[in-house]
Protein backbone atom coordinates (compact mmCIF):
# COMPACT_ATOMS: atom_id res chain seq x y z
CA UNK A 1 2.89 -11.95 17.29
CA UNK A 2 4.47 -8.90 15.63
CA UNK A 3 2.44 -5.93 14.41
CA UNK A 4 3.42 -4.87 10.88
CA UNK A 5 2.15 -1.80 9.06
CA UNK A 6 0.50 -2.74 5.75
CA UNK A 7 -0.25 -0.45 2.82
CA UNK A 8 -3.41 -1.44 0.92
CA UNK A 9 -4.03 0.17 -2.45
CA UNK A 10 -7.39 0.11 -4.23
CA UNK A 11 -7.15 -0.33 -8.00
CA UNK A 12 -9.92 -0.65 -10.62
CA UNK A 13 -9.44 -4.44 -10.74
CA UNK A 14 -8.89 -5.15 -7.02
CA UNK A 15 -6.61 -4.45 -4.09
CA UNK A 16 -2.84 -4.72 -3.64
CA UNK A 17 -1.20 -4.88 -0.19
CA UNK A 18 2.42 -4.71 0.92
CA UNK A 19 4.17 -4.39 4.29
CA UNK A 20 6.42 -1.59 5.46
CA UNK A 21 9.69 -2.40 7.18
CA UNK A 22 10.08 -5.96 5.86
CA UNK A 23 13.34 -6.77 4.08
CA UNK A 24 12.70 -8.16 0.61
CA UNK A 25 9.64 -7.98 -1.60
CA UNK A 26 6.31 -9.17 -0.20
CA UNK A 27 3.00 -8.42 -1.94
CA UNK A 28 -0.57 -9.65 -1.56
CA UNK A 29 -3.64 -9.08 -3.70
CA UNK A 30 -7.36 -9.72 -3.64
CA UNK A 31 -10.77 -8.69 -4.87
CA UNK A 32 -11.53 -7.07 -1.50
CA UNK A 33 -9.57 -5.12 1.11
CA UNK A 34 -9.86 -8.05 3.52
CA UNK A 35 -8.74 -10.59 0.90
CA UNK A 36 -5.64 -8.53 0.04
CA UNK A 37 -4.81 -8.13 3.74
CA UNK A 38 -5.16 -11.88 4.35
CA UNK A 39 -3.05 -12.65 1.26
CA UNK A 40 -0.21 -10.35 2.31
CA UNK A 41 -0.28 -11.78 5.87
CA UNK A 42 0.12 -15.25 4.34
CA UNK A 43 2.94 -13.98 2.12
CA UNK A 44 4.73 -12.44 5.14
CA UNK A 45 4.50 -15.76 7.03
CA UNK A 46 5.95 -17.60 4.02
CA UNK A 47 8.71 -14.97 3.67
CA UNK A 48 9.70 -15.38 7.33
CA UNK A 49 9.55 -19.20 7.13
CA UNK A 50 11.77 -19.09 4.05
CA UNK A 51 14.29 -16.40 5.00
CA UNK A 52 14.06 -16.18 8.81
CA UNK A 53 12.90 -13.63 11.33
CA UNK A 54 15.77 -11.30 10.43
CA UNK A 55 13.54 -10.18 7.54
CA UNK A 56 11.39 -8.35 10.12
CA UNK A 57 14.26 -6.42 11.70
CA UNK A 58 13.86 -3.02 10.07
CA UNK A 59 16.34 -0.55 11.45
CA UNK A 60 15.11 2.00 12.21
CA UNK A 61 11.54 0.72 12.62
CA UNK A 62 8.66 2.31 10.69
CA UNK A 63 6.84 4.50 13.19
CA UNK A 64 3.96 5.64 11.02
CA UNK A 65 2.84 5.92 7.39
CA UNK A 66 1.10 8.75 5.57
CA UNK A 67 -0.54 9.23 2.18
CA UNK A 68 0.08 12.55 0.47
CA UNK A 69 -0.21 14.06 -3.00
CA UNK A 70 2.24 16.34 -4.73
CA UNK A 71 2.00 18.06 -8.10
CA UNK A 72 4.79 17.00 -10.46
CA UNK A 73 5.50 18.71 -13.78
CA UNK A 74 5.69 16.11 -16.56
């Protein structure tokens, strides 16, 4: 069992989840937070089964994740 940090975003039409520190693109989605988390966990398992455990070897590892806002002139 490996612990992976997951970002879950809430959108007007549901939730999107993606892991940090996984090589390649892995995304899950769902109508609820829990559904998106379960979907991305399933997608990570499939990704590892397809491409191998090297996909989980982030170097350096992600220690923590933060959400911040910044003003940007557009």
